[in-house]
């Protein structure tokens, strides 16, 4: 999970999977939105949800996961097995 929390503790970004590039783009949009002064004189927040697609390169993902230690890889692979069994019903 990735989270961005604004001053005052408001969650302004939450993602199950993300990248540094996505977070940087969000922060840029968030700051521009906060500074924007519309002709109406008022700016208000709104919430969005979106689905994005990414390459699924399992071997590369596992190699990167190993940077967190062998237990991280083992636990993730066990979770994948649980998800697979759950999907099979």
N, C-alpha and C. Protein backbone atom coordinates (compact mmCIF):
# COMPACT_ATOMS: atom_id res chain seq x y z
N UNK A 1 0.84 -1.19 0.00
CA UNK A 1 0.00 0.00 0.00
C UNK A 1 0.88 1.24 0.00
N UNK A 2 0.41 2.23 -0.70
CA UNK A 2 1.05 3.54 -0.69
C UNK A 2 0.00 4.56 -0.27
N UNK A 3 0.40 5.45 0.60
CA UNK A 3 -0.49 6.48 1.12
C UNK A 3 0.20 7.83 1.05
N UNK A 4 -0.57 8.87 0.77
CA UNK A 4 -0.11 10.25 0.94
C UNK A 4 -1.11 10.89 1.90
N UNK A 5 -0.59 11.45 2.96
CA UNK A 5 -1.42 12.05 3.99
C UNK A 5 -1.11 13.54 4.06
N UNK A 6 -2.12 14.35 3.90
CA UNK A 6 -1.95 15.81 3.91
C UNK A 6 -1.84 16.30 5.35
N UNK A 7 -1.46 17.54 5.47
CA UNK A 7 -1.44 18.17 6.80
C UNK A 7 -2.82 18.05 7.41
N UNK A 8 -2.87 17.78 8.67
CA UNK A 8 -4.14 17.60 9.34
C UNK A 8 -4.60 16.15 9.34
N UNK A 9 -3.85 15.27 8.64
CA UNK A 9 -4.14 13.86 8.68
C UNK A 9 -5.12 13.34 7.63
N UNK A 10 -5.51 14.16 6.68
CA UNK A 10 -6.43 13.71 5.64
C UNK A 10 -5.69 12.83 4.64
N UNK A 11 -6.25 11.65 4.37
CA UNK A 11 -5.67 10.77 3.35
C UNK A 11 -6.06 11.34 1.99
N UNK A 12 -5.07 11.67 1.18
CA UNK A 12 -5.35 12.27 -0.13
C UNK A 12 -4.97 11.34 -1.28
N UNK A 13 -4.26 10.25 -0.97
CA UNK A 13 -3.88 9.28 -2.00
C UNK A 13 -3.70 7.94 -1.33
N UNK A 14 -4.29 6.91 -1.93
CA UNK A 14 -4.15 5.55 -1.40
C UNK A 14 -4.16 4.61 -2.60
N UNK A 15 -3.21 3.69 -2.61
CA UNK A 15 -3.11 2.77 -3.74
C UNK A 15 -2.63 1.40 -3.27
N UNK A 16 -3.25 0.35 -3.82
CA UNK A 16 -2.79 -1.00 -3.51
C UNK A 16 -1.40 -1.24 -4.10
N UNK A 17 -1.22 -0.86 -5.35
CA UNK A 17 0.06 -0.99 -6.05
C UNK A 17 0.30 0.33 -6.74
N UNK A 18 1.51 0.79 -6.76
CA UNK A 18 1.79 2.05 -7.41
C UNK A 18 3.26 2.13 -7.77
N UNK A 19 3.66 3.26 -8.28
CA UNK A 19 5.06 3.51 -8.62
C UNK A 19 5.42 4.91 -8.16
N UNK A 20 6.70 5.15 -8.03
CA UNK A 20 7.16 6.48 -7.64
C UNK A 20 6.68 7.52 -8.66
N UNK A 21 6.64 7.15 -9.92
CA UNK A 21 6.19 8.08 -10.97
C UNK A 21 4.73 8.46 -10.77
N UNK A 22 3.87 7.48 -10.42
CA UNK A 22 2.45 7.78 -10.18
C UNK A 22 2.27 8.70 -8.98
N UNK A 23 3.02 8.45 -7.92
CA UNK A 23 2.92 9.30 -6.72
C UNK A 23 3.40 10.71 -7.03
N UNK A 24 4.50 10.84 -7.77
CA UNK A 24 5.00 12.17 -8.13
C UNK A 24 3.99 12.93 -8.97
N UNK A 25 3.36 12.24 -9.93
CA UNK A 25 2.34 12.89 -10.76
C UNK A 25 1.15 13.33 -9.92
N UNK A 26 0.73 12.48 -8.97
CA UNK A 26 -0.36 12.86 -8.08
C UNK A 26 -0.01 14.10 -7.27
N UNK A 27 1.19 14.09 -6.67
CA UNK A 27 1.60 15.23 -5.83
C UNK A 27 1.61 16.52 -6.64
N UNK A 28 2.06 16.44 -7.89
CA UNK A 28 2.06 17.62 -8.75
C UNK A 28 0.62 18.11 -8.98
N UNK A 29 -0.29 17.19 -9.33
CA UNK A 29 -1.70 17.58 -9.54
C UNK A 29 -2.33 18.11 -8.25
N UNK A 30 -2.03 17.48 -7.14
CA UNK A 30 -2.60 17.88 -5.85
C UNK A 30 -2.18 19.31 -5.50
N UNK A 31 -0.91 19.59 -5.63
CA UNK A 31 -0.42 20.94 -5.31
C UNK A 31 -0.97 21.99 -6.27
N UNK A 32 -1.05 21.66 -7.54
CA UNK A 32 -1.62 22.60 -8.51
C UNK A 32 -3.08 22.87 -8.18
N UNK A 33 -3.81 21.83 -7.80
CA UNK A 33 -5.22 22.00 -7.44
C UNK A 33 -5.41 22.88 -6.23
N UNK A 34 -4.53 22.72 -5.25
CA UNK A 34 -4.63 23.54 -4.03
C UNK A 34 -4.31 25.00 -4.30
N UNK A 35 -3.43 25.25 -5.27
CA UNK A 35 -3.02 26.64 -5.57
C UNK A 35 -3.94 27.31 -6.59
N UNK A 36 -4.73 26.51 -7.31
CA UNK A 36 -5.59 27.03 -8.37
C UNK A 36 -6.63 27.99 -7.80
N UNK A 37 -6.80 29.12 -8.43
CA UNK A 37 -7.82 30.10 -8.03
C UNK A 37 -8.79 30.30 -9.18
N UNK A 38 -9.92 29.62 -9.13
CA UNK A 38 -10.88 29.70 -10.23
C UNK A 38 -11.63 31.02 -10.23
N UNK A 39 -12.30 31.27 -11.32
CA UNK A 39 -13.07 32.51 -11.43
C UNK A 39 -14.21 32.56 -10.42
N UNK A 40 -14.69 31.40 -9.98
CA UNK A 40 -15.78 31.38 -8.98
C UNK A 40 -15.27 31.78 -7.60
N UNK A 41 -13.92 31.71 -7.41
CA UNK A 41 -13.36 32.07 -6.12
C UNK A 41 -13.28 30.90 -5.14
N UNK A 42 -13.76 29.73 -5.54
CA UNK A 42 -13.79 28.59 -4.63
C UNK A 42 -13.23 27.34 -5.31
N UNK A 43 -12.44 26.60 -4.55
CA UNK A 43 -11.93 25.31 -5.02
C UNK A 43 -12.41 24.26 -4.03
N UNK A 44 -12.90 23.14 -4.54
CA UNK A 44 -13.34 22.06 -3.66
C UNK A 44 -12.74 20.74 -4.09
N UNK A 45 -12.48 19.87 -3.13
CA UNK A 45 -11.92 18.56 -3.47
C UNK A 45 -12.99 17.61 -3.99
N UNK A 46 -12.55 16.60 -4.70
CA UNK A 46 -13.43 15.51 -5.10
C UNK A 46 -12.60 14.23 -5.10
N UNK A 47 -13.26 13.11 -4.95
CA UNK A 47 -12.58 11.82 -4.85
C UNK A 47 -12.75 11.06 -6.16
N UNK A 48 -11.67 10.42 -6.60
CA UNK A 48 -11.74 9.59 -7.80
C UNK A 48 -11.19 8.20 -7.49
N UNK A 49 -11.63 7.24 -8.27
CA UNK A 49 -11.03 5.91 -8.27
C UNK A 49 -10.70 5.60 -9.71
N UNK A 50 -9.59 4.92 -9.92
CA UNK A 50 -9.21 4.59 -11.29
C UNK A 50 -8.51 3.24 -11.33
N UNK A 51 -8.56 2.63 -12.47
CA UNK A 51 -7.86 1.38 -12.69
C UNK A 51 -6.75 1.66 -13.69
N UNK A 52 -5.55 1.23 -13.35
CA UNK A 52 -4.42 1.37 -14.25
C UNK A 52 -3.87 -0.01 -14.56
N UNK A 53 -3.18 -0.12 -15.66
CA UNK A 53 -2.60 -1.39 -16.06
C UNK A 53 -1.08 -1.29 -16.02
N UNK A 54 -0.46 -2.42 -15.76
CA UNK A 54 1.00 -2.47 -15.68
C UNK A 54 1.47 -3.79 -16.25
N UNK A 55 2.74 -3.83 -16.62
CA UNK A 55 3.34 -5.08 -17.07
C UNK A 55 3.45 -6.02 -15.89
N UNK A 56 3.19 -7.28 -16.14
CA UNK A 56 3.35 -8.28 -15.09
C UNK A 56 4.55 -9.14 -15.48
N UNK A 57 5.67 -8.81 -14.89
CA UNK A 57 6.91 -9.53 -15.11
C UNK A 57 7.27 -10.18 -13.78
N UNK A 58 6.69 -11.35 -13.52
CA UNK A 58 6.84 -12.02 -12.22
C UNK A 58 8.31 -12.20 -11.82
N UNK A 59 9.20 -12.72 -12.70
CA UNK A 59 10.59 -12.89 -12.28
C UNK A 59 11.24 -11.57 -11.83
N UNK A 60 10.98 -10.50 -12.56
CA UNK A 60 11.55 -9.20 -12.17
C UNK A 60 10.95 -8.73 -10.84
N UNK A 61 9.64 -8.92 -10.66
CA UNK A 61 8.99 -8.53 -9.42
C UNK A 61 9.60 -9.30 -8.24
N UNK A 62 9.78 -10.62 -8.42
CA UNK A 62 10.38 -11.42 -7.35
C UNK A 62 11.79 -10.96 -7.02
N UNK A 63 12.57 -10.63 -8.04
CA UNK A 63 13.94 -10.13 -7.78
C UNK A 63 13.91 -8.85 -6.95
N UNK A 64 12.99 -7.95 -7.29
CA UNK A 64 12.89 -6.70 -6.54
C UNK A 64 12.37 -6.96 -5.12
N UNK A 65 11.45 -7.89 -4.99
CA UNK A 65 10.91 -8.23 -3.68
C UNK A 65 12.00 -8.78 -2.77
N UNK A 66 12.96 -9.50 -3.35
CA UNK A 66 14.06 -10.07 -2.56
C UNK A 66 14.92 -8.99 -1.89
N UNK A 67 14.86 -7.77 -2.41
CA UNK A 67 15.61 -6.67 -1.76
C UNK A 67 15.12 -6.46 -0.34
N UNK A 68 13.89 -6.89 -0.07
CA UNK A 68 13.32 -6.76 1.28
C UNK A 68 13.63 -7.98 2.14
N UNK A 69 14.30 -8.93 1.56
CA UNK A 69 14.68 -10.14 2.30
C UNK A 69 13.93 -11.36 1.81
N UNK A 70 14.49 -12.55 2.05
CA UNK A 70 13.88 -13.78 1.57
C UNK A 70 12.48 -14.02 2.14
N UNK A 71 12.24 -13.56 3.35
CA UNK A 71 10.92 -13.76 3.95
C UNK A 71 9.84 -13.01 3.17
N UNK A 72 10.16 -11.83 2.66
CA UNK A 72 9.19 -11.07 1.87
C UNK A 72 8.75 -11.86 0.65
N UNK A 73 9.70 -12.48 -0.02
CA UNK A 73 9.37 -13.28 -1.20
C UNK A 73 8.55 -14.51 -0.81
N UNK A 74 8.97 -15.21 0.22
CA UNK A 74 8.26 -16.40 0.67
C UNK A 74 6.82 -16.07 1.06
N UNK A 75 6.62 -15.00 1.81
CA UNK A 75 5.27 -14.62 2.24
C UNK A 75 4.40 -14.20 1.07
N UNK A 76 4.98 -13.50 0.11
CA UNK A 76 4.20 -13.08 -1.04
C UNK A 76 3.80 -14.29 -1.88
N UNK A 77 4.72 -15.22 -2.08
CA UNK A 77 4.39 -16.41 -2.86
C UNK A 77 3.32 -17.25 -2.16
N UNK A 78 3.36 -17.30 -0.83
CA UNK A 78 2.31 -18.00 -0.08
C UNK A 78 0.96 -17.29 -0.26
N UNK A 79 0.97 -15.98 -0.24
CA UNK A 79 -0.26 -15.22 -0.46
C UNK A 79 -0.81 -15.50 -1.86
N UNK A 80 0.07 -15.57 -2.85
CA UNK A 80 -0.38 -15.88 -4.21
C UNK A 80 -1.08 -17.24 -4.26
N UNK A 81 -0.53 -18.21 -3.53
CA UNK A 81 -1.13 -19.53 -3.47
C UNK A 81 -2.52 -19.47 -2.82
N UNK A 82 -2.65 -18.72 -1.75
CA UNK A 82 -3.94 -18.54 -1.08
C UNK A 82 -4.94 -17.90 -2.03
N UNK A 83 -4.51 -16.85 -2.75
CA UNK A 83 -5.41 -16.19 -3.69
C UNK A 83 -5.85 -17.15 -4.80
N UNK A 84 -4.90 -17.95 -5.30
CA UNK A 84 -5.22 -18.91 -6.35
C UNK A 84 -6.26 -19.93 -5.87
N UNK A 85 -6.05 -20.46 -4.68
CA UNK A 85 -6.99 -21.45 -4.13
C UNK A 85 -8.36 -20.82 -3.89
N UNK A 86 -8.39 -19.59 -3.41
CA UNK A 86 -9.66 -18.90 -3.18
C UNK A 86 -10.41 -18.69 -4.49
N UNK A 87 -9.67 -18.32 -5.54
CA UNK A 87 -10.31 -18.09 -6.85
C UNK A 87 -10.85 -19.37 -7.46
N UNK A 88 -10.22 -20.50 -7.12
CA UNK A 88 -10.69 -21.78 -7.65
C UNK A 88 -11.96 -22.26 -6.94
N UNK A 89 -12.24 -21.63 -5.80
CA UNK A 89 -13.48 -21.92 -5.09
C UNK A 89 -13.37 -23.10 -4.23
